[in-house]
Amino acid sequence: AGVGAFAASIGSASASAPPLTTTAHSIYVVRPDPRACPSPLCGGYLVSLANHARTPCHAGLLRPRCYVAIAIDASTRKPLAAPLPAGGLAQAVLGSQTFERVGNLGALSVAKAWAPVTRAPPTGDFFRLRGDGIRCVRAPCFSIRVGRLNTATHTHLASVLDLAGPAGIDAKTLRLAQRALATREGLLGSGRVVATPDGGRSFDATQLYLRSATPRA
């Protein structure tokens, strides 16, 4: 389902707004709105499409970040009972909701959320890493598939030894990250893919994200 279906289900979007190109699989970087003014005009979230300089907002305008006044559980269509993780990632659809005396404001329908494992600022691009189950007898062994979020770009890694790159990550969190690599959903992280001396490729992480339970109403 695309943005249009979400907008129709929770509120009226502008009839003249062009269709947005994001989908239900789009992943956004989510930050609390720091501005101080009467809700719902402020105090929601500032969201940006991961790996894109501009994000299609609910009114059809492309901006570096979009303001959303409310986050909604995609399965129940009710407001989330607790805030999304600050600086986290959300698989969501960006639509709109009509507020009394205010009109249409951005609304985020959230299917999944991930929390950053440290307070380190993310740099580089955002990726999804998945182990493909390959077992090798010698290096380099390209056993990890890595794709840039919200794009069709992907490659394979021969090593993920640099997952401990984010400052402050502890051993338990690192084990959880390595476990996530083996799942179908994979592990989300920011950083860059770098060449290794043996001819392989590794992921130099600046931040990792672990799945957070969606705070349901």
C-alpha atoms as a PDB file:
ATOM      1  CA  ALA A   1       0.000   0.000   0.000  1.00  0.00           C
ATOM      2  CA  GLY A   2       1.264   3.457  -0.812  1.00  0.00           C
ATOM      3  CA  VAL A   3       0.950   6.824   0.839  1.00  0.00           C
ATOM      4  CA  GLY A   4      -2.340   7.596  -0.850  1.00  0.00           C
ATOM      5  CA  ALA A   5      -4.089   4.662   0.839  1.00  0.00           C
ATOM      6  CA  PHE A   6      -2.764   5.683   4.239  1.00  0.00           C
ATOM      7  CA  ALA A   7      -3.837   9.316   3.796  1.00  0.00           C
ATOM      8  CA  ALA A   8      -7.333   8.233   2.855  1.00  0.00           C
ATOM      9  CA  SER A   9      -7.609   5.984   5.888  1.00  0.00           C
ATOM     10  CA  ILE A  10      -6.546   8.464   8.581  1.00  0.00           C
ATOM     11  CA  GLY A  11      -7.264  11.869   7.141  1.00  0.00           C
ATOM     12  CA  SER A  12      -7.781  14.002   4.096  1.00  0.00           C
ATOM     13  CA  ALA A  13      -4.717  15.026   2.115  1.00  0.00           C
ATOM     14  CA  SER A  14      -4.780  17.870  -0.373  1.00  0.00           C
ATOM     15  CA  ALA A  15      -6.493  16.766  -3.563  1.00  0.00           C
ATOM     16  CA  SER A  16      -4.000  18.747  -5.629  1.00  0.00           C
ATOM     17  CA  ALA A  17      -0.889  17.159  -4.056  1.00  0.00           C
ATOM     18  CA  PRO A  18       1.115  15.006  -6.479  1.00  0.00           C
ATOM     19  CA  PRO A  19       1.435  11.313  -5.606  1.00  0.00           C
ATOM     20  CA  LEU A  20       4.418  10.474  -3.423  1.00  0.00           C
ATOM     21  CA  THR A  21       6.966   7.884  -4.480  1.00  0.00           C
ATOM     22  CA  THR A  22       7.562   6.330  -1.064  1.00  0.00           C
ATOM     23  CA  THR A  23       6.048   2.950  -0.154  1.00  0.00           C
ATOM     24  CA  ALA A  24       5.134   0.923   2.913  1.00  0.00           C
ATOM     25  CA  HIS A  25       8.697  -0.434   2.871  1.00  0.00           C
ATOM     26  CA  SER A  26      10.335   3.010   3.111  1.00  0.00           C
ATOM     27  CA  ILE A  27      12.568   3.600   6.124  1.00  0.00           C
ATOM     28  CA  TYR A  28      12.819   7.003   7.798  1.00  0.00           C
ATOM     29  CA  VAL A  29      15.268   8.538  10.248  1.00  0.00           C
ATOM     30  CA  VAL A  30      13.160   9.841  13.138  1.00  0.00           C
ATOM     31  CA  ARG A  31      14.050  12.684  15.510  1.00  0.00           C
ATOM     32  CA  PRO A  32      11.858  14.456  18.080  1.00  0.00           C
ATOM     33  CA  ASP A  33      10.781  17.949  17.044  1.00  0.00           C
ATOM     34  CA  PRO A  34      12.637  20.324  19.436  1.00  0.00           C
ATOM     35  CA  ARG A  35      10.483  23.374  18.713  1.00  0.00           C
ATOM     36  CA  ALA A  36       8.285  24.810  21.446  1.00  0.00           C
ATOM     37  CA  CYS A  37       4.798  25.827  20.332  1.00  0.00           C
ATOM     38  CA  PRO A  38       1.238  24.614  20.875  1.00  0.00           C
ATOM     39  CA  SER A  39       0.642  21.001  19.875  1.00  0.00           C
ATOM     40  CA  PRO A  40      -0.003  19.660  17.264  1.00  0.00           C
ATOM     41  CA  LEU A  41       1.819  22.375  15.294  1.00  0.00           C
ATOM     42  CA  CYS A  42       5.053  21.449  17.102  1.00  0.00           C
ATOM     43  CA  GLY A  43       6.261  18.655  19.334  1.00  0.00           C
ATOM     44  CA  GLY A  44       5.886  15.697  16.985  1.00  0.00           C
ATOM     45  CA  TYR A  45       8.734  14.303  14.906  1.00  0.00           C
ATOM     46  CA  LEU A  46      11.073  15.426  12.140  1.00  0.00           C
ATOM     47  CA  VAL A  47      11.529  12.568   9.687  1.00  0.00           C
ATOM     48  CA  SER A  48      13.765  12.108   6.678  1.00  0.00           C
ATOM     49  CA  LEU A  49      13.964   9.338   4.113  1.00  0.00           C
ATOM     50  CA  ALA A  50      17.174   7.405   4.802  1.00  0.00           C
ATOM     51  CA  ASN A  51      19.870   7.901   2.142  1.00  0.00           C
ATOM     52  CA  HIS A  52      18.013  10.713   0.390  1.00  0.00           C
ATOM     53  CA  ALA A  53      18.739  14.434   0.519  1.00  0.00           C
ATOM     54  CA  ARG A  54      15.045  15.278   0.106  1.00  0.00           C
ATOM     55  CA  THR A  55      11.929  13.649   1.516  1.00  0.00           C
ATOM     56  CA  PRO A  56       8.418  13.819  -0.005  1.00  0.00           C
ATOM     57  CA  CYS A  57       6.251  15.407   2.686  1.00  0.00           C
ATOM     58  CA  HIS A  58       2.514  14.908   3.066  1.00  0.00           C
ATOM     59  CA  ALA A  59       1.667  18.004   0.998  1.00  0.00           C
ATOM     60  CA  GLY A  60       3.774  16.746  -1.904  1.00  0.00           C
ATOM     61  CA  LEU A  61       6.723  19.086  -1.265  1.00  0.00           C
ATOM     62  CA  LEU A  62      10.296  17.797  -1.205  1.00  0.00           C
ATOM     63  CA  ARG A  63      12.164  18.916   1.907  1.00  0.00           C
ATOM     64  CA  PRO A  64      15.287  17.840   3.833  1.00  0.00           C
ATOM     65  CA  ARG A  65      12.965  16.829   6.692  1.00  0.00           C
ATOM     66  CA  CYS A  66       9.215  16.545   7.127  1.00  0.00           C
ATOM     67  CA  TYR A  67       7.256  17.431  10.239  1.00  0.00           C
ATOM     68  CA  VAL A  68       4.775  14.817  11.401  1.00  0.00           C
ATOM     69  CA  ALA A  69       2.418  15.707  14.222  1.00  0.00           C
ATOM     70  CA  ILE A  70       1.528  12.140  15.164  1.00  0.00           C
ATOM     71  CA  ALA A  71       2.885   8.599  14.890  1.00  0.00           C
ATOM     72  CA  ILE A  72       0.307   5.843  14.380  1.00  0.00           C
ATOM     73  CA  ASP A  73       0.500   2.072  14.716  1.00  0.00           C
ATOM     74  CA  ALA A  74       0.114   0.708  11.179  1.00  0.00           C
ATOM     75  CA  SER A  75      -1.791  -2.356  12.407  1.00  0.00           C
ATOM     76  CA  THR A  76      -4.286  -0.690  14.762  1.00  0.00           C
ATOM     77  CA  ARG A  77      -4.465   2.818  13.232  1.00  0.00           C
ATOM     78  CA  LYS A  78      -4.218   4.229  16.770  1.00  0.00           C
ATOM     79  CA  PRO A  79      -1.623   6.685  18.088  1.00  0.00           C
ATOM     80  CA  LEU A  80       1.477   5.044  19.536  1.00  0.00           C
ATOM     81  CA  ALA A  81       1.384   4.812  23.301  1.00  0.00           C
ATOM     82  CA  ALA A  82       5.047   5.800  23.726  1.00  0.00           C
ATOM     83  CA  PRO A  83       7.497   7.906  21.694  1.00  0.00           C
ATOM     84  CA  LEU A  84       9.543   6.447  18.871  1.00  0.00           C
ATOM     85  CA  PRO A  85      13.255   6.022  19.702  1.00  0.00           C
ATOM     86  CA  ALA A  86      15.066   9.340  19.303  1.00  0.00           C
ATOM     87  CA  GLY A  87      17.449   9.135  16.369  1.00  0.00           C
ATOM     88  CA  GLY A  88      16.015   5.757  15.444  1.00  0.00           C
ATOM     89  CA  LEU A  89      14.695   4.305  12.210  1.00  0.00           C
ATOM     90  CA  ALA A  90      11.101   3.498  11.296  1.00  0.00           C
ATOM     91  CA  GLN A  91       9.600   1.505   8.462  1.00  0.00           C
ATOM     92  CA  ALA A  92       6.558   3.611   7.824  1.00  0.00           C
ATOM     93  CA  VAL A  93       4.239   5.414   5.451  1.00  0.00           C
ATOM     94  CA  LEU A  94       4.115   9.196   5.570  1.00  0.00           C
ATOM     95  CA  GLY A  95       0.606  10.518   5.096  1.00  0.00           C
ATOM     96  CA  SER A  96      -1.622  13.149   6.687  1.00  0.00           C
ATOM     97  CA  GLN A  97      -4.285  13.556   9.333  1.00  0.00           C
ATOM     98  CA  THR A  98      -6.824  16.328   9.786  1.00  0.00           C
ATOM     99  CA  PHE A  99      -6.697  18.147  13.131  1.00  0.00           C
ATOM    100  CA  GLU A 100      -9.537  20.304  14.383  1.00  0.00           C
ATOM    101  CA  ARG A 101      -8.920  24.060  13.876  1.00  0.00           C
ATOM    102  CA  VAL A 102      -5.527  23.283  12.330  1.00  0.00           C
ATOM    103  CA  GLY A 103      -6.149  21.311   9.160  1.00  0.00           C
ATOM    104  CA  ASN A 104      -3.942  18.668   7.566  1.00  0.00           C
ATOM    105  CA  LEU A 105      -0.622  17.837   9.196  1.00  0.00           C
ATOM    106  CA  GLY A 106       1.868  15.070   8.564  1.00  0.00           C
ATOM    107  CA  ALA A 107       1.244  11.673  10.162  1.00  0.00           C
ATOM    108  CA  LEU A 108       3.508   8.624  10.226  1.00  0.00           C
ATOM    109  CA  SER A 109       2.020   5.124  10.077  1.00  0.00           C
ATOM    110  CA  VAL A 110       4.683   2.922  11.678  1.00  0.00           C
ATOM    111  CA  ALA A 111       5.081  -0.786  10.952  1.00  0.00           C
ATOM    112  CA  LYS A 112       8.509  -1.355  12.531  1.00  0.00           C
ATOM    113  CA  ALA A 113      10.977   0.670  14.576  1.00  0.00           C
ATOM    114  CA  TRP A 114      14.671   0.346  15.398  1.00  0.00           C
ATOM    115  CA  ALA A 115      16.577   2.090  18.198  1.00  0.00           C
ATOM    116  CA  PRO A 116      20.232   3.218  17.966  1.00  0.00           C
ATOM    117  CA  VAL A 117      22.543   1.203  20.233  1.00  0.00           C
ATOM    118  CA  THR A 118      24.700   4.174  21.274  1.00  0.00           C
ATOM    119  CA  ARG A 119      24.523   7.961  21.344  1.00  0.00           C
ATOM    120  CA  ALA A 120      27.100   8.254  18.569  1.00  0.00           C
ATOM    121  CA  PRO A 121      25.880  10.381  15.645  1.00  0.00           C
ATOM    122  CA  PRO A 122      25.357   8.307  12.492  1.00  0.00           C
ATOM    123  CA  THR A 123      27.613   9.135   9.567  1.00  0.00           C
ATOM    124  CA  GLY A 124      27.874   7.578   6.139  1.00  0.00           C
ATOM    125  CA  ASP A 125      24.928   5.831   4.545  1.00  0.00           C
ATOM    126  CA  PHE A 126      22.227   3.606   6.034  1.00  0.00           C
ATOM    127  CA  PHE A 127      22.361  -0.119   5.245  1.00  0.00           C
ATOM    128  CA  ARG A 128      20.643  -3.435   5.882  1.00  0.00           C
ATOM    129  CA  LEU A 129      23.034  -6.355   6.393  1.00  0.00           C
ATOM    130  CA  ARG A 130      21.997 -10.008   6.116  1.00  0.00           C
ATOM    131  CA  GLY A 131      24.004 -13.212   6.358  1.00  0.00           C
ATOM    132  CA  ASP A 132      23.354 -15.541   3.423  1.00  0.00           C
ATOM    133  CA  GLY A 133      24.489 -18.731   5.148  1.00  0.00           C
ATOM    134  CA  ILE A 134      27.571 -19.273   2.994  1.00  0.00           C
ATOM    135  CA  ARG A 135      30.442 -21.123   4.692  1.00  0.00           C
ATOM    136  CA  CYS A 136      33.915 -20.665   3.221  1.00  0.00           C
ATOM    137  CA  VAL A 137      37.259 -22.391   3.760  1.00  0.00           C
ATOM    138  CA  ARG A 138      39.403 -19.365   2.942  1.00  0.00           C
ATOM    139  CA  ALA A 139      39.236 -15.570   2.829  1.00  0.00           C
ATOM    140  CA  PRO A 140      37.808 -13.427   1.440  1.00  0.00           C
ATOM    141  CA  CYS A 141      34.380 -14.994   1.947  1.00  0.00           C
ATOM    142  CA  PHE A 142      31.558 -12.807   0.633  1.00  0.00           C
ATOM    143  CA  SER A 143      28.873 -14.131   2.968  1.00  0.00           C
ATOM    144  CA  ILE A 144      27.048 -10.942   4.013  1.00  0.00           C
ATOM    145  CA  ARG A 145      24.631  -9.185   1.667  1.00  0.00           C
ATOM    146  CA  VAL A 146      24.456  -5.441   2.282  1.00  0.00           C
ATOM    147  CA  GLY A 147      21.953  -3.053   0.692  1.00  0.00           C
ATOM    148  CA  ARG A 148      21.530   0.715   0.971  1.00  0.00           C
ATOM    149  CA  LEU A 149      18.145   1.461   2.516  1.00  0.00           C
ATOM    150  CA  ASN A 150      15.480   2.888   0.191  1.00  0.00           C
ATOM    151  CA  THR A 151      17.541   2.033  -2.900  1.00  0.00           C
ATOM    152  CA  ALA A 152      18.136  -0.977  -5.136  1.00  0.00           C
ATOM    153  CA  THR A 153      21.900  -0.818  -4.500  1.00  0.00           C
ATOM    154  CA  HIS A 154      23.521  -3.828  -2.860  1.00  0.00           C
ATOM    155  CA  THR A 155      26.805  -5.704  -2.664  1.00  0.00           C
ATOM    156  CA  HIS A 156      28.382  -8.480  -0.588  1.00  0.00           C
ATOM    157  CA  LEU A 157      30.785  -8.215   2.333  1.00  0.00           C
ATOM    158  CA  ALA A 158      33.566 -10.595   3.238  1.00  0.00           C
ATOM    159  CA  SER A 159      33.723  -9.373   6.831  1.00  0.00           C
ATOM    160  CA  VAL A 160      31.676  -7.546   9.435  1.00  0.00           C
ATOM    161  CA  LEU A 161      34.479  -7.337  11.988  1.00  0.00           C
ATOM    162  CA  ASP A 162      34.050  -3.580  12.282  1.00  0.00           C
ATOM    163  CA  LEU A 163      30.538  -3.796  13.774  1.00  0.00           C
ATOM    164  CA  ALA A 164      32.113  -2.733  17.074  1.00  0.00           C
ATOM    165  CA  GLY A 165      33.002   0.618  15.555  1.00  0.00           C
ATOM    166  CA  PRO A 166      30.336   2.745  17.319  1.00  0.00           C
ATOM    167  CA  ALA A 167      31.830   4.188  20.496  1.00  0.00           C
ATOM    168  CA  GLY A 168      30.318   2.760  23.662  1.00  0.00           C
ATOM    169  CA  ILE A 169      28.847  -0.477  22.291  1.00  0.00           C
ATOM    170  CA  ASP A 170      28.986  -3.263  24.896  1.00  0.00           C
ATOM    171  CA  ALA A 171      29.554  -6.975  24.427  1.00  0.00           C
ATOM    172  CA  LYS A 172      25.891  -7.921  24.964  1.00  0.00           C
ATOM    173  CA  THR A 173      24.693  -5.420  22.356  1.00  0.00           C
ATOM    174  CA  LEU A 174      27.339  -6.622  19.930  1.00  0.00           C
ATOM    175  CA  ARG A 175      26.086 -10.205  20.350  1.00  0.00           C
ATOM    176  CA  LEU A 176      22.526  -9.059  19.649  1.00  0.00           C
ATOM    177  CA  ALA A 177      23.733  -7.267  16.516  1.00  0.00           C
ATOM    178  CA  GLN A 178      25.581 -10.349  15.304  1.00  0.00           C
ATOM    179  CA  ARG A 179      22.480 -12.456  16.001  1.00  0.00           C
ATOM    180  CA  ALA A 180      20.350 -10.047  13.973  1.00  0.00           C
ATOM    181  CA  LEU A 181      22.651 -10.622  10.997  1.00  0.00           C
ATOM    182  CA  ALA A 182      21.393 -14.197  10.761  1.00  0.00           C
ATOM    183  CA  THR A 183      17.707 -13.236  10.629  1.00  0.00           C
ATOM    184  CA  ARG A 184      15.596 -12.579   7.568  1.00  0.00           C
ATOM    185  CA  GLU A 185      15.139  -8.959   8.643  1.00  0.00           C
ATOM    186  CA  GLY A 186      18.874  -8.505   9.096  1.00  0.00           C
ATOM    187  CA  LEU A 187      20.743  -5.769  10.939  1.00  0.00           C
ATOM    188  CA  LEU A 188      20.415  -2.050  10.203  1.00  0.00           C
ATOM    189  CA  GLY A 189      23.398   0.254  10.536  1.00  0.00           C
ATOM    190  CA  SER A 190      25.026   3.451   9.358  1.00  0.00           C
ATOM    191  CA  GLY A 191      28.574   3.647   8.094  1.00  0.00           C
ATOM    192  CA  ARG A 192      30.460   2.764   4.947  1.00  0.00           C
ATOM    193  CA  VAL A 193      31.682  -0.246   3.024  1.00  0.00           C
ATOM    194  CA  VAL A 194      35.490  -0.344   2.920  1.00  0.00           C
ATOM    195  CA  ALA A 195      38.039  -2.510   1.125  1.00  0.00           C
ATOM    196  CA  THR A 196      40.145  -4.921   3.179  1.00  0.00           C
ATOM    197  CA  PRO A 197      43.807  -5.865   2.537  1.00  0.00           C
ATOM    198  CA  ASP A 198      42.872  -9.424   1.495  1.00  0.00           C
ATOM    199  CA  GLY A 199      40.678  -8.175  -1.360  1.00  0.00           C
ATOM    200  CA  GLY A 200      37.411  -8.364   0.530  1.00  0.00           C
ATOM    201  CA  ARG A 201      34.964  -5.746   1.792  1.00  0.00           C
ATOM    202  CA  SER A 202      33.982  -4.878   5.353  1.00  0.00           C
ATOM    203  CA  PHE A 203      31.383  -2.672   7.010  1.00  0.00           C
ATOM    204  CA  ASP A 204      32.799   0.212   9.048  1.00  0.00           C
ATOM    205  CA  ALA A 205      29.884   1.005  11.374  1.00  0.00           C
ATOM    206  CA  THR A 206      29.239   4.382  12.968  1.00  0.00           C
ATOM    207  CA  GLN A 207      25.872   3.354  14.443  1.00  0.00           C
ATOM    208  CA  LEU A 208      23.833   0.168  14.706  1.00  0.00           C
ATOM    209  CA  TYR A 209      20.078  -0.179  15.148  1.00  0.00           C
ATOM    210  CA  LEU A 210      18.246  -2.991  16.918  1.00  0.00           C
ATOM    211  CA  ARG A 211      14.560  -3.759  16.553  1.00  0.00           C
ATOM    212  CA  SER A 212      12.398  -1.916  19.049  1.00  0.00           C
ATOM    213  CA  ALA A 213       8.935  -3.097  20.017  1.00  0.00           C
ATOM    214  CA  THR A 214       6.334  -0.793  18.473  1.00  0.00           C
ATOM    215  CA  PRO A 215       4.789   1.014  21.463  1.00  0.00           C
ATOM    216  CA  ARG A 216       1.176   0.092  20.837  1.00  0.00           C
ATOM    217  CA  ALA A 217      -1.799   2.007  22.220  1.00  0.00           C
END
